[in-house]
Amino acid sequence: MNTVTQVIGAIVLIVSTLFPIVNPISCAPFFLAMTSGATRAERISLSRRVASNSFFLLLGSLLIGSYILSFFGISLPIVQVGGGLVVISTGWTMLKFEEDDERKKIERSASANHLMRKAFYPLTLPLTVGPGSISAAITLGANVPHPGGGRLLLGLVAAFTSALIIALLVFIFYAFADRTAKLVGPTGMSVIMRLSAFLLLCIGLQIVWNGVSALARGF
């Protein structure tokens, strides 16, 4: 197997694993709801910032995530439990929010130039790149060639390209979320957002359960 085939295979594996977990398609309604007071230009700029943050988070998780956890003595199950609780909190907040009140609050934040402060939290973490994505990226990164394996460049290229592809997809779905909303209509978007919020809540519970189950097996 030549080097190009190995790189392509690694990229396909990483992207096909991370994309369904990051899932920018289902996250787009949340992004749109949380930026409803922004102009189109502001939303595109914010989408670019979120995509950039997502790229660095995924790339860091792929390349050095396992080292960071080892340094602090943190296990993946703990990351799943802690991150899952954050996802549950986000899903619950989105599930019970009132659109008019939330829109007013967001508009006040946007007028005070606070919109970009939301680029990392909560729009990037945990909405886009959550604990599930980070855990999966760290696990995949453990199989990326590291120094001493003789294939370091291959691993770097695969990790960089994969993270870039995911980030580009995040930007596309977020930047054009408003056009999707126009096609679906306000009622349809409200239904999609409520269903997505419930699914996000369930995903958070599943992540916590996976972490708790792994910890229980350790005992």
N, C-alpha and C. Protein backbone atom coordinates (compact mmCIF):
# COMPACT_ATOMS: atom_id res chain seq x y z
N MET A 1 0.86 -1.20 0.00
CA MET A 1 0.00 0.00 0.00
C MET A 1 0.89 1.25 0.00
N ASN A 2 0.72 2.13 -1.01
CA ASN A 2 1.57 3.31 -1.09
C ASN A 2 1.11 4.39 -0.13
N THR A 3 1.95 5.42 -0.04
CA THR A 3 1.70 6.49 0.94
C THR A 3 0.39 7.23 0.67
N VAL A 4 0.11 7.53 -0.61
CA VAL A 4 -1.10 8.26 -0.96
C VAL A 4 -2.34 7.48 -0.55
N THR A 5 -2.34 6.19 -0.81
CA THR A 5 -3.48 5.35 -0.44
C THR A 5 -3.68 5.31 1.07
N GLN A 6 -2.57 5.27 1.81
CA GLN A 6 -2.65 5.27 3.27
C GLN A 6 -3.25 6.57 3.79
N VAL A 7 -2.81 7.69 3.22
CA VAL A 7 -3.32 8.99 3.65
C VAL A 7 -4.82 9.10 3.35
N ILE A 8 -5.21 8.71 2.13
CA ILE A 8 -6.63 8.78 1.76
C ILE A 8 -7.47 7.88 2.66
N GLY A 9 -6.97 6.68 2.93
CA GLY A 9 -7.70 5.77 3.81
C GLY A 9 -7.86 6.34 5.21
N ALA A 10 -6.80 6.97 5.73
CA ALA A 10 -6.88 7.56 7.07
C ALA A 10 -7.86 8.73 7.09
N ILE A 11 -7.87 9.55 6.03
CA ILE A 11 -8.78 10.69 5.95
C ILE A 11 -10.22 10.22 5.90
N VAL A 12 -10.48 9.21 5.07
CA VAL A 12 -11.84 8.67 4.95
C VAL A 12 -12.31 8.12 6.29
N LEU A 13 -11.44 7.42 6.99
CA LEU A 13 -11.80 6.86 8.30
C LEU A 13 -12.13 7.96 9.30
N ILE A 14 -11.28 8.97 9.38
CA ILE A 14 -11.48 10.03 10.38
C ILE A 14 -12.74 10.84 10.07
N VAL A 15 -12.89 11.25 8.80
CA VAL A 15 -14.05 12.07 8.42
C VAL A 15 -15.35 11.30 8.58
N SER A 16 -15.38 10.05 8.12
CA SER A 16 -16.60 9.25 8.22
C SER A 16 -16.98 8.96 9.67
N THR A 17 -16.00 8.97 10.56
CA THR A 17 -16.29 8.75 11.98
C THR A 17 -16.75 10.03 12.66
N LEU A 18 -16.08 11.15 12.37
CA LEU A 18 -16.36 12.39 13.08
C LEU A 18 -17.58 13.15 12.54
N PHE A 19 -17.82 13.07 11.24
CA PHE A 19 -18.91 13.88 10.67
C PHE A 19 -20.27 13.56 11.28
N PRO A 20 -20.65 12.27 11.41
CA PRO A 20 -21.96 12.00 12.03
C PRO A 20 -22.04 12.45 13.48
N ILE A 21 -20.90 12.53 14.17
CA ILE A 21 -20.92 12.95 15.58
C ILE A 21 -20.99 14.48 15.67
N VAL A 22 -20.15 15.16 14.89
CA VAL A 22 -20.22 16.63 14.85
C VAL A 22 -21.58 17.06 14.31
N ASN A 23 -21.99 16.43 13.20
CA ASN A 23 -23.33 16.60 12.61
C ASN A 23 -23.76 18.06 12.48
N PRO A 24 -23.06 18.84 11.66
CA PRO A 24 -23.44 20.26 11.51
C PRO A 24 -24.81 20.46 10.90
N ILE A 25 -25.35 19.43 10.25
CA ILE A 25 -26.68 19.56 9.66
C ILE A 25 -27.73 19.75 10.74
N SER A 26 -27.69 18.90 11.77
CA SER A 26 -28.68 19.02 12.85
C SER A 26 -28.36 20.16 13.80
N CYS A 27 -27.09 20.60 13.84
CA CYS A 27 -26.71 21.71 14.72
C CYS A 27 -27.05 23.07 14.12
N ALA A 28 -27.26 23.12 12.80
CA ALA A 28 -27.53 24.39 12.12
C ALA A 28 -28.75 25.12 12.68
N PRO A 29 -29.88 24.43 12.98
CA PRO A 29 -31.01 25.15 13.57
C PRO A 29 -30.69 25.80 14.90
N PHE A 30 -29.86 25.14 15.72
CA PHE A 30 -29.45 25.74 16.99
C PHE A 30 -28.63 27.00 16.73
N PHE A 31 -27.69 26.89 15.80
CA PHE A 31 -26.85 28.04 15.46
C PHE A 31 -27.72 29.21 15.00
N LEU A 32 -28.70 28.91 14.16
CA LEU A 32 -29.57 29.96 13.64
C LEU A 32 -30.40 30.59 14.76
N ALA A 33 -30.91 29.77 15.67
CA ALA A 33 -31.72 30.29 16.77
C ALA A 33 -30.89 31.17 17.70
N MET A 34 -29.64 30.78 17.93
CA MET A 34 -28.79 31.53 18.86
C MET A 34 -28.18 32.76 18.22
N THR A 35 -28.35 32.93 16.91
CA THR A 35 -27.83 34.12 16.22
C THR A 35 -28.95 34.83 15.46
N SER A 36 -30.18 34.68 15.92
CA SER A 36 -31.31 35.25 15.20
C SER A 36 -31.29 36.77 15.16
N GLY A 37 -30.57 37.41 16.08
CA GLY A 37 -30.49 38.86 16.09
C GLY A 37 -29.35 39.40 15.24
N ALA A 38 -28.60 38.53 14.58
CA ALA A 38 -27.44 38.94 13.80
C ALA A 38 -27.81 39.18 12.35
N THR A 39 -27.03 40.02 11.67
CA THR A 39 -27.20 40.21 10.23
C THR A 39 -26.56 39.04 9.50
N ARG A 40 -26.82 38.96 8.20
CA ARG A 40 -26.24 37.86 7.42
C ARG A 40 -24.71 37.92 7.43
N ALA A 41 -24.15 39.14 7.31
CA ALA A 41 -22.69 39.29 7.32
C ALA A 41 -22.11 38.85 8.67
N GLU A 42 -22.79 39.22 9.76
CA GLU A 42 -22.32 38.82 11.08
C GLU A 42 -22.40 37.31 11.26
N ARG A 43 -23.47 36.72 10.72
CA ARG A 43 -23.64 35.27 10.85
C ARG A 43 -22.55 34.52 10.07
N ILE A 44 -22.22 35.03 8.89
CA ILE A 44 -21.15 34.39 8.10
C ILE A 44 -19.81 34.53 8.81
N SER A 45 -19.55 35.71 9.37
CA SER A 45 -18.31 35.92 10.11
C SER A 45 -18.24 35.01 11.33
N LEU A 46 -19.37 34.86 12.02
CA LEU A 46 -19.41 33.99 13.19
C LEU A 46 -19.25 32.53 12.78
N SER A 47 -19.84 32.15 11.65
CA SER A 47 -19.69 30.79 11.14
C SER A 47 -18.23 30.49 10.84
N ARG A 48 -17.54 31.47 10.29
CA ARG A 48 -16.11 31.29 10.00
C ARG A 48 -15.32 31.11 11.28
N ARG A 49 -15.67 31.87 12.31
CA ARG A 49 -14.97 31.75 13.60
C ARG A 49 -15.24 30.38 14.24
N VAL A 50 -16.49 29.94 14.21
CA VAL A 50 -16.83 28.64 14.78
C VAL A 50 -16.12 27.52 14.03
N ALA A 51 -16.09 27.62 12.70
CA ALA A 51 -15.40 26.61 11.90
C ALA A 51 -13.91 26.57 12.22
N SER A 52 -13.32 27.76 12.40
CA SER A 52 -11.89 27.83 12.75
C SER A 52 -11.64 27.20 14.11
N ASN A 53 -12.48 27.53 15.09
CA ASN A 53 -12.35 26.94 16.42
C ASN A 53 -12.50 25.43 16.37
N SER A 54 -13.46 24.97 15.58
CA SER A 54 -13.70 23.53 15.45
C SER A 54 -12.49 22.83 14.85
N PHE A 55 -11.87 23.47 13.86
CA PHE A 55 -10.68 22.90 13.22
C PHE A 55 -9.57 22.69 14.24
N PHE A 56 -9.28 23.71 15.03
CA PHE A 56 -8.17 23.60 15.99
C PHE A 56 -8.51 22.62 17.12
N LEU A 57 -9.77 22.58 17.54
CA LEU A 57 -10.15 21.64 18.58
C LEU A 57 -10.00 20.19 18.11
N LEU A 58 -10.48 19.92 16.90
CA LEU A 58 -10.39 18.56 16.37
C LEU A 58 -8.95 18.18 16.08
N LEU A 59 -8.19 19.12 15.50
CA LEU A 59 -6.79 18.82 15.19
C LEU A 59 -6.00 18.57 16.47
N GLY A 60 -6.23 19.40 17.49
CA GLY A 60 -5.55 19.20 18.75
C GLY A 60 -5.93 17.88 19.40
N SER A 61 -7.22 17.52 19.31
CA SER A 61 -7.66 16.25 19.89
C SER A 61 -7.04 15.07 19.15
N LEU A 62 -6.93 15.19 17.84
CA LEU A 62 -6.36 14.10 17.04
C LEU A 62 -4.87 13.91 17.33
N LEU A 63 -4.15 15.02 17.49
CA LEU A 63 -2.69 14.93 17.59
C LEU A 63 -2.18 14.83 19.02
N ILE A 64 -2.76 15.61 19.94
CA ILE A 64 -2.18 15.65 21.29
C ILE A 64 -3.20 15.40 22.39
N GLY A 65 -4.45 15.06 22.01
CA GLY A 65 -5.48 14.87 23.02
C GLY A 65 -5.16 13.80 24.03
N SER A 66 -4.64 12.67 23.56
CA SER A 66 -4.32 11.57 24.47
C SER A 66 -3.19 11.95 25.43
N TYR A 67 -2.23 12.77 24.95
CA TYR A 67 -1.13 13.20 25.80
C TYR A 67 -1.63 14.14 26.90
N ILE A 68 -2.56 15.04 26.53
CA ILE A 68 -3.08 16.00 27.52
C ILE A 68 -3.85 15.27 28.61
N LEU A 69 -4.69 14.31 28.22
CA LEU A 69 -5.44 13.56 29.22
C LEU A 69 -4.51 12.78 30.14
N SER A 70 -3.48 12.19 29.55
CA SER A 70 -2.52 11.43 30.36
C SER A 70 -1.78 12.34 31.33
N PHE A 71 -1.43 13.55 30.87
CA PHE A 71 -0.69 14.50 31.70
C PHE A 71 -1.50 14.88 32.94
N PHE A 72 -2.80 15.10 32.75
CA PHE A 72 -3.65 15.51 33.87
C PHE A 72 -4.29 14.31 34.57
N GLY A 73 -4.00 13.12 34.09
CA GLY A 73 -4.57 11.93 34.72
C GLY A 73 -6.07 11.80 34.53
N ILE A 74 -6.58 12.27 33.39
CA ILE A 74 -8.02 12.23 33.10
C ILE A 74 -8.29 11.09 32.12
N SER A 75 -9.29 10.29 32.41
CA SER A 75 -9.65 9.19 31.52
C SER A 75 -10.76 9.62 30.56
N LEU A 76 -10.90 8.89 29.46
CA LEU A 76 -11.96 9.18 28.49
C LEU A 76 -13.36 9.07 29.11
N PRO A 77 -13.63 8.09 29.97
CA PRO A 77 -14.96 8.04 30.59
C PRO A 77 -15.30 9.30 31.39
N ILE A 78 -14.30 9.87 32.07
CA ILE A 78 -14.55 11.12 32.80
C ILE A 78 -14.88 12.25 31.84
N VAL A 79 -14.17 12.31 30.71
CA VAL A 79 -14.47 13.32 29.69
C VAL A 79 -15.90 13.14 29.19
N GLN A 80 -16.31 11.89 29.01
CA GLN A 80 -17.66 11.62 28.53
C GLN A 80 -18.72 12.05 29.54
N VAL A 81 -18.48 11.76 30.82
CA VAL A 81 -19.46 12.13 31.84
C VAL A 81 -19.57 13.65 31.97
N GLY A 82 -18.42 14.31 32.10
CA GLY A 82 -18.43 15.77 32.24
C GLY A 82 -18.98 16.48 31.02
N GLY A 83 -18.52 16.05 29.85
CA GLY A 83 -19.00 16.67 28.61
C GLY A 83 -20.46 16.36 28.35
N GLY A 84 -20.89 15.14 28.70
CA GLY A 84 -22.28 14.77 28.51
C GLY A 84 -23.21 15.63 29.33
N LEU A 85 -22.80 15.98 30.55
CA LEU A 85 -23.60 16.85 31.40
C LEU A 85 -23.75 18.24 30.77
N VAL A 86 -22.67 18.71 30.13
CA VAL A 86 -22.74 20.01 29.46
C VAL A 86 -23.72 19.95 28.29
N VAL A 87 -23.67 18.84 27.54
CA VAL A 87 -24.58 18.67 26.40
C VAL A 87 -26.03 18.60 26.89
N ILE A 88 -26.27 17.90 28.00
CA ILE A 88 -27.62 17.82 28.57
C ILE A 88 -28.11 19.22 28.94
N SER A 89 -27.25 20.00 29.57
CA SER A 89 -27.63 21.36 29.96
C SER A 89 -27.99 22.21 28.74
N THR A 90 -27.17 22.09 27.68
CA THR A 90 -27.44 22.85 26.46
C THR A 90 -28.76 22.42 25.82
N GLY A 91 -28.98 21.11 25.74
CA GLY A 91 -30.21 20.60 25.14
C GLY A 91 -31.44 21.03 25.92
N TRP A 92 -31.36 20.98 27.26
CA TRP A 92 -32.48 21.37 28.09
C TRP A 92 -32.79 22.86 27.94
N THR A 93 -31.74 23.67 27.89
CA THR A 93 -31.93 25.11 27.72
C THR A 93 -32.61 25.42 26.39
N MET A 94 -32.16 24.75 25.32
CA MET A 94 -32.75 24.98 24.01
C MET A 94 -34.17 24.42 23.92
N LEU A 95 -34.45 23.38 24.69
CA LEU A 95 -35.77 22.75 24.64
C LEU A 95 -36.85 23.62 25.28
N LYS A 96 -36.48 24.36 26.33
CA LYS A 96 -37.49 25.11 27.08
C LYS A 96 -37.46 26.62 26.82
N PHE A 97 -36.58 27.07 25.91
CA PHE A 97 -36.48 28.51 25.73
C PHE A 97 -37.68 29.06 24.96
N GLU A 98 -38.01 30.32 25.25
CA GLU A 98 -39.08 31.02 24.54
C GLU A 98 -38.45 31.87 23.45
N GLU A 99 -38.94 31.72 22.23
CA GLU A 99 -38.30 32.36 21.08
C GLU A 99 -38.24 33.88 21.20
N ASP A 100 -39.33 34.49 21.63
CA ASP A 100 -39.35 35.96 21.70
C ASP A 100 -38.37 36.48 22.73
N ASP A 101 -38.36 35.88 23.91
CA ASP A 101 -37.44 36.32 24.96
C ASP A 101 -35.99 36.07 24.55
N GLU A 102 -35.77 34.92 23.95
CA GLU A 102 -34.40 34.60 23.54
C GLU A 102 -33.92 35.54 22.45
N ARG A 103 -34.82 35.85 21.51
CA ARG A 103 -34.45 36.74 20.42
C ARG A 103 -34.08 38.12 20.95
N LYS A 104 -34.86 38.63 21.90
CA LYS A 104 -34.54 39.93 22.48
C LYS A 104 -33.19 39.91 23.18
N LYS A 105 -32.94 38.84 23.93
CA LYS A 105 -31.67 38.73 24.65
C LYS A 105 -30.50 38.68 23.68
N ILE A 106 -30.67 37.92 22.58
CA ILE A 106 -29.59 37.81 21.61
C ILE A 106 -29.36 39.13 20.89
N GLU A 107 -30.46 39.84 20.59
CA GLU A 107 -30.32 41.13 19.91
C GLU A 107 -29.57 42.12 20.80
N ARG A 108 -29.85 42.10 22.10
CA ARG A 108 -29.12 42.99 23.01
C ARG A 108 -27.65 42.63 23.03
N SER A 109 -27.35 41.35 23.04
CA SER A 109 -25.96 40.91 23.04
C SER A 109 -25.27 41.32 21.76
N ALA A 110 -25.98 41.16 20.63
CA ALA A 110 -25.38 41.49 19.35
C ALA A 110 -25.11 42.98 19.26
N SER A 111 -26.06 43.80 19.76
CA SER A 111 -25.87 45.25 19.67
C SER A 111 -24.72 45.71 20.54
N ALA A 112 -24.40 44.93 21.57
CA ALA A 112 -23.29 45.27 22.45
C ALA A 112 -21.98 44.61 22.02
N ASN A 113 -21.96 44.11 20.80
CA ASN A 113 -20.76 43.45 20.24
C ASN A 113 -20.32 42.25 21.06
N HIS A 114 -21.30 41.54 21.63
CA HIS A 114 -20.99 40.35 22.41
C HIS A 114 -21.19 39.07 21.62
N LEU A 115 -21.66 39.20 20.39
CA LEU A 115 -22.00 38.00 19.62
C LEU A 115 -20.78 37.12 19.39
N MET A 116 -19.63 37.75 19.08
CA MET A 116 -18.44 36.97 18.79
C MET A 116 -17.91 36.24 20.03
N ARG A 117 -18.31 36.70 21.21
CA ARG A 117 -17.86 36.02 22.42
C ARG A 117 -18.50 34.64 22.54
N LYS A 118 -19.60 34.44 21.81
CA LYS A 118 -20.26 33.14 21.83
C LYS A 118 -19.65 32.17 20.82
N ALA A 119 -18.66 32.63 20.07
CA ALA A 119 -18.10 31.79 19.01
C ALA A 119 -17.50 30.51 19.56
N PHE A 120 -16.79 30.62 20.70
CA PHE A 120 -16.20 29.40 21.26
C PHE A 120 -17.20 28.69 22.16
N TYR A 121 -17.71 29.39 23.16
CA TYR A 121 -18.73 28.79 24.04
C TYR A 121 -19.99 29.64 23.99
N PRO A 122 -21.12 29.07 23.64
CA PRO A 122 -21.39 27.63 23.48
C PRO A 122 -21.43 27.14 22.04
N LEU A 123 -21.17 28.02 21.04
CA LEU A 123 -21.39 27.63 19.66
C LEU A 123 -20.40 26.58 19.16
N THR A 124 -19.11 26.73 19.57
CA THR A 124 -18.14 25.71 19.17
C THR A 124 -18.17 24.54 20.15
N LEU A 125 -17.99 24.85 21.41
CA LEU A 125 -18.00 23.84 22.47
C LEU A 125 -19.10 24.19 23.47
N PRO A 126 -20.11 23.35 23.66
CA PRO A 126 -20.21 21.96 23.21
C PRO A 126 -21.12 21.74 22.01
N LEU A 127 -21.71 22.84 21.43
CA LEU A 127 -22.72 22.65 20.40
C LEU A 127 -22.18 21.94 19.16
N THR A 128 -21.01 22.39 18.66
CA THR A 128 -20.47 21.82 17.43
C THR A 128 -19.51 20.68 17.72
N VAL A 129 -18.45 20.97 18.43
CA VAL A 129 -17.48 19.94 18.81
C VAL A 129 -17.68 19.65 20.29
N GLY A 130 -18.46 18.62 20.56
CA GLY A 130 -18.80 18.27 21.92
C GLY A 130 -17.91 17.15 22.45
N PRO A 131 -18.25 16.64 23.62
CA PRO A 131 -17.44 15.58 24.23
C PRO A 131 -17.39 14.31 23.38
N GLY A 132 -18.50 14.01 22.68
CA GLY A 132 -18.49 12.85 21.82
C GLY A 132 -17.47 12.98 20.70
N SER A 133 -17.45 14.17 20.08
CA SER A 133 -16.49 14.42 19.00
C SER A 133 -15.06 14.38 19.51
N ILE A 134 -14.83 15.01 20.67
CA ILE A 134 -13.48 15.05 21.23
C ILE A 134 -13.01 13.65 21.62
N SER A 135 -13.90 12.87 22.25
CA SER A 135 -13.54 11.51 22.63
C SER A 135 -13.20 10.67 21.40
N ALA A 136 -14.04 10.79 20.36
CA ALA A 136 -13.79 10.02 19.14
C ALA A 136 -12.49 10.46 18.48
N ALA A 137 -12.23 11.79 18.47
CA ALA A 137 -11.00 12.29 17.85
C ALA A 137 -9.77 11.83 18.62
N ILE A 138 -9.85 11.81 19.94
CA ILE A 138 -8.72 11.34 20.74
C ILE A 138 -8.46 9.86 20.47
N THR A 139 -9.55 9.09 20.38
CA THR A 139 -9.41 7.67 20.10
C THR A 139 -8.80 7.43 18.73
N LEU A 140 -9.27 8.18 17.73
CA LEU A 140 -8.70 8.06 16.39
C LEU A 140 -7.25 8.52 16.38
N GLY A 141 -6.97 9.59 17.15
CA GLY A 141 -5.61 10.12 17.20
C GLY A 141 -4.61 9.15 17.77
N ALA A 142 -5.10 8.23 18.61
CA ALA A 142 -4.20 7.23 19.18
C ALA A 142 -3.65 6.30 18.10
N ASN A 143 -4.36 6.24 16.95
CA ASN A 143 -3.91 5.40 15.84
C ASN A 143 -3.15 6.19 14.78
N VAL A 144 -3.06 7.51 14.98
CA VAL A 144 -2.29 8.33 14.04
C VAL A 144 -0.81 8.12 14.31
N PRO A 145 0.01 7.89 13.27
CA PRO A 145 1.45 7.67 13.48
C PRO A 145 2.10 8.82 14.23
N HIS A 146 2.90 8.49 15.23
CA HIS A 146 3.59 9.47 16.06
C HIS A 146 5.09 9.35 15.87
N PRO A 147 5.87 10.27 16.42
CA PRO A 147 7.31 10.22 16.26
C PRO A 147 7.86 8.85 16.67
N GLY A 148 8.75 8.34 15.85
CA GLY A 148 9.34 7.03 16.12
C GLY A 148 8.71 5.95 15.27
N GLY A 149 7.52 6.22 14.71
CA GLY A 149 6.86 5.24 13.88
C GLY A 149 7.30 5.28 12.44
N GLY A 150 8.04 6.31 12.05
CA GLY A 150 8.52 6.40 10.69
C GLY A 150 7.49 6.94 9.71
N ARG A 151 6.27 7.25 10.19
CA ARG A 151 5.21 7.74 9.31
C ARG A 151 4.55 8.99 9.90
N LEU A 152 5.33 9.81 10.56
CA LEU A 152 4.80 10.98 11.23
C LEU A 152 4.12 11.93 10.25
N LEU A 153 4.75 12.17 9.10
CA LEU A 153 4.21 13.09 8.11
C LEU A 153 2.85 12.62 7.61
N LEU A 154 2.73 11.30 7.42
CA LEU A 154 1.46 10.73 6.97
C LEU A 154 0.35 11.04 7.97
N GLY A 155 0.61 10.84 9.25
CA GLY A 155 -0.37 11.10 10.28
C GLY A 155 -0.74 12.57 10.37
N LEU A 156 0.26 13.45 10.24
CA LEU A 156 0.00 14.89 10.30
C LEU A 156 -0.89 15.34 9.15
N VAL A 157 -0.58 14.86 7.94
CA VAL A 157 -1.37 15.23 6.76
C VAL A 157 -2.80 14.73 6.90
N ALA A 158 -2.97 13.48 7.34
CA ALA A 158 -4.31 12.91 7.49
C ALA A 158 -5.12 13.67 8.53
N ALA A 159 -4.51 13.98 9.68
CA ALA A 159 -5.21 14.69 10.74
C ALA A 159 -5.57 16.11 10.31
N PHE A 160 -4.62 16.81 9.69
CA PHE A 160 -4.85 18.19 9.24
C PHE A 160 -5.96 18.24 8.20
N THR A 161 -5.88 17.38 7.20
CA THR A 161 -6.87 17.38 6.12
C THR A 161 -8.26 17.01 6.63
N SER A 162 -8.33 16.03 7.50
CA SER A 162 -9.63 15.59 8.03
C SER A 162 -10.29 16.70 8.85
N ALA A 163 -9.51 17.33 9.72
CA ALA A 163 -10.06 18.43 10.53
C ALA A 163 -10.50 19.59 9.65
N LEU A 164 -9.75 19.84 8.57
CA LEU A 164 -10.10 20.93 7.65
C LEU A 164 -11.40 20.63 6.93
N ILE A 165 -11.59 19.40 6.50
CA ILE A 165 -12.83 19.02 5.81
C ILE A 165 -14.03 19.20 6.72
N ILE A 166 -13.92 18.73 7.95
CA ILE A 166 -15.03 18.89 8.90
C ILE A 166 -15.32 20.36 9.15
N ALA A 167 -14.27 21.17 9.31
CA ALA A 167 -14.45 22.60 9.57
C ALA A 167 -15.13 23.29 8.39
N LEU A 168 -14.77 22.93 7.18
CA LEU A 168 -15.40 23.52 5.98
C LEU A 168 -16.88 23.17 5.92
N LEU A 169 -17.21 21.94 6.26
CA LEU A 169 -18.62 21.52 6.26
C LEU A 169 -19.40 22.27 7.34
N VAL A 170 -18.78 22.49 8.50
CA VAL A 170 -19.42 23.27 9.56
C VAL A 170 -19.72 24.68 9.06
N PHE A 171 -18.74 25.30 8.41
CA PHE A 171 -18.93 26.66 7.90
C PHE A 171 -20.07 26.71 6.89
N ILE A 172 -20.11 25.76 5.95
CA ILE A 172 -21.13 25.77 4.90
C ILE A 172 -22.53 25.64 5.50
N PHE A 173 -22.73 24.68 6.39
CA PHE A 173 -24.06 24.46 6.94
C PHE A 173 -24.49 25.59 7.87
N TYR A 174 -23.55 26.19 8.59
CA TYR A 174 -23.90 27.28 9.50
C TYR A 174 -24.13 28.58 8.74
N ALA A 175 -23.26 28.88 7.78
CA ALA A 175 -23.36 30.14 7.06
C ALA A 175 -24.65 30.24 6.24
N PHE A 176 -25.15 29.10 5.78
CA PHE A 176 -26.36 29.10 4.95
C PHE A 176 -27.57 28.53 5.68
N ALA A 177 -27.51 28.53 7.01
CA ALA A 177 -28.63 28.02 7.80
C ALA A 177 -29.88 28.86 7.60
N ASP A 178 -29.70 30.17 7.37
CA ASP A 178 -30.86 31.05 7.19
C ASP A 178 -31.61 30.73 5.91
N ARG A 179 -30.89 30.32 4.87
CA ARG A 179 -31.55 29.96 3.61
C ARG A 179 -32.37 28.68 3.77
N THR A 180 -31.84 27.76 4.54
CA THR A 180 -32.60 26.55 4.84
C THR A 180 -33.86 26.89 5.61
N ALA A 181 -33.74 27.84 6.54
CA ALA A 181 -34.89 28.25 7.35
C ALA A 181 -35.98 28.86 6.47
N LYS A 182 -35.60 29.60 5.46
CA LYS A 182 -36.58 30.21 4.56
C LYS A 182 -37.33 29.14 3.78
N LEU A 183 -36.63 28.09 3.39
CA LEU A 183 -37.28 27.01 2.65
C LEU A 183 -38.25 26.23 3.54
N VAL A 184 -37.85 26.01 4.79
CA VAL A 184 -38.68 25.22 5.70
C VAL A 184 -39.82 26.04 6.28
N GLY A 185 -39.56 27.33 6.53
CA GLY A 185 -40.57 28.19 7.14
C GLY A 185 -40.43 28.25 8.64
N PRO A 186 -40.99 29.28 9.30
CA PRO A 186 -40.82 29.44 10.75
C PRO A 186 -41.41 28.29 11.56
N THR A 187 -42.57 27.78 11.15
CA THR A 187 -43.16 26.66 11.89
C THR A 187 -42.31 25.41 11.77
N GLY A 188 -41.85 25.14 10.56
CA GLY A 188 -40.99 23.98 10.34
C GLY A 188 -39.69 24.08 11.12
N MET A 189 -39.09 25.29 11.16
CA MET A 189 -37.85 25.47 11.90
C MET A 189 -38.07 25.29 13.39
N SER A 190 -39.23 25.76 13.88
CA SER A 190 -39.53 25.59 15.29
C SER A 190 -39.65 24.11 15.65
N VAL A 191 -40.32 23.35 14.77
CA VAL A 191 -40.46 21.91 15.01
C VAL A 191 -39.10 21.23 14.96
N ILE A 192 -38.29 21.58 13.95
CA ILE A 192 -36.97 20.97 13.81
C ILE A 192 -36.10 21.30 15.02
N MET A 193 -36.17 22.56 15.48
CA MET A 193 -35.34 22.96 16.61
C MET A 193 -35.73 22.22 17.89
N ARG A 194 -37.05 22.07 18.11
CA ARG A 194 -37.51 21.38 19.31
C ARG A 194 -37.11 19.90 19.27
N LEU A 195 -37.29 19.29 18.10
CA LEU A 195 -36.89 17.88 17.97
C LEU A 195 -35.38 17.72 18.14
N SER A 196 -34.63 18.66 17.54
CA SER A 196 -33.17 18.59 17.66
C SER A 196 -32.73 18.80 19.10
N ALA A 197 -33.44 19.69 19.82
CA ALA A 197 -33.10 19.92 21.23
C ALA A 197 -33.34 18.65 22.04
N PHE A 198 -34.44 17.97 21.77
CA PHE A 198 -34.73 16.73 22.48
C PHE A 198 -33.68 15.66 22.16
N LEU A 199 -33.31 15.57 20.87
CA LEU A 199 -32.28 14.61 20.49
C LEU A 199 -30.94 14.96 21.14
N LEU A 200 -30.63 16.25 21.21
CA LEU A 200 -29.39 16.67 21.86
C LEU A 200 -29.39 16.28 23.34
N LEU A 201 -30.54 16.43 23.98
CA LEU A 201 -30.68 16.02 25.38
C LEU A 201 -30.44 14.51 25.53
N CYS A 202 -31.02 13.74 24.60
CA CYS A 202 -30.84 12.28 24.63
C CYS A 202 -29.39 11.89 24.34
N ILE A 203 -28.76 12.60 23.41
CA ILE A 203 -27.35 12.32 23.11
C ILE A 203 -26.49 12.57 24.34
N GLY A 204 -26.78 13.67 25.06
CA GLY A 204 -26.03 13.95 26.28
C GLY A 204 -26.20 12.85 27.31
N LEU A 205 -27.43 12.37 27.47
CA LEU A 205 -27.67 11.27 28.40
C LEU A 205 -26.93 10.00 27.99
N GLN A 206 -26.91 9.74 26.68
CA GLN A 206 -26.20 8.56 26.19
C GLN A 206 -24.70 8.67 26.43
N ILE A 207 -24.15 9.88 26.23
CA ILE A 207 -22.72 10.09 26.47
C ILE A 207 -22.39 9.87 27.94
N VAL A 208 -23.25 10.43 28.82
CA VAL A 208 -23.03 10.23 30.26
C VAL A 208 -23.12 8.75 30.61
N TRP A 209 -24.12 8.06 30.06
CA TRP A 209 -24.29 6.63 30.34
C TRP A 209 -23.08 5.83 29.89
N ASN A 210 -22.55 6.18 28.70
CA ASN A 210 -21.37 5.47 28.20
C ASN A 210 -20.19 5.66 29.15
N GLY A 211 -20.01 6.89 29.65
CA GLY A 211 -18.93 7.16 30.57
C GLY A 211 -19.11 6.45 31.90
N VAL A 212 -20.34 6.49 32.43
CA VAL A 212 -20.62 5.83 33.71
C VAL A 212 -20.44 4.32 33.57
N SER A 213 -20.88 3.77 32.44
CA SER A 213 -20.75 2.32 32.23
C SER A 213 -19.28 1.92 32.17
N ALA A 214 -18.47 2.74 31.49
CA ALA A 214 -17.04 2.44 31.40
C ALA A 214 -16.38 2.52 32.78
N LEU A 215 -16.78 3.51 33.58
CA LEU A 215 -16.23 3.64 34.92
C LEU A 215 -16.67 2.45 35.80
N ALA A 216 -17.92 2.02 35.64
CA ALA A 216 -18.41 0.89 36.43
C ALA A 216 -17.66 -0.39 36.08
N ARG A 217 -17.36 -0.56 34.80
CA ARG A 217 -16.60 -1.75 34.40
C ARG A 217 -15.19 -1.72 35.00
N GLY A 218 -14.67 -0.52 35.23
CA GLY A 218 -13.34 -0.38 35.80
C GLY A 218 -13.28 -0.85 37.25
N PHE A 219 -14.44 -0.77 37.94
CA PHE A 219 -14.50 -1.24 39.31
C PHE A 219 -14.62 -2.75 39.40
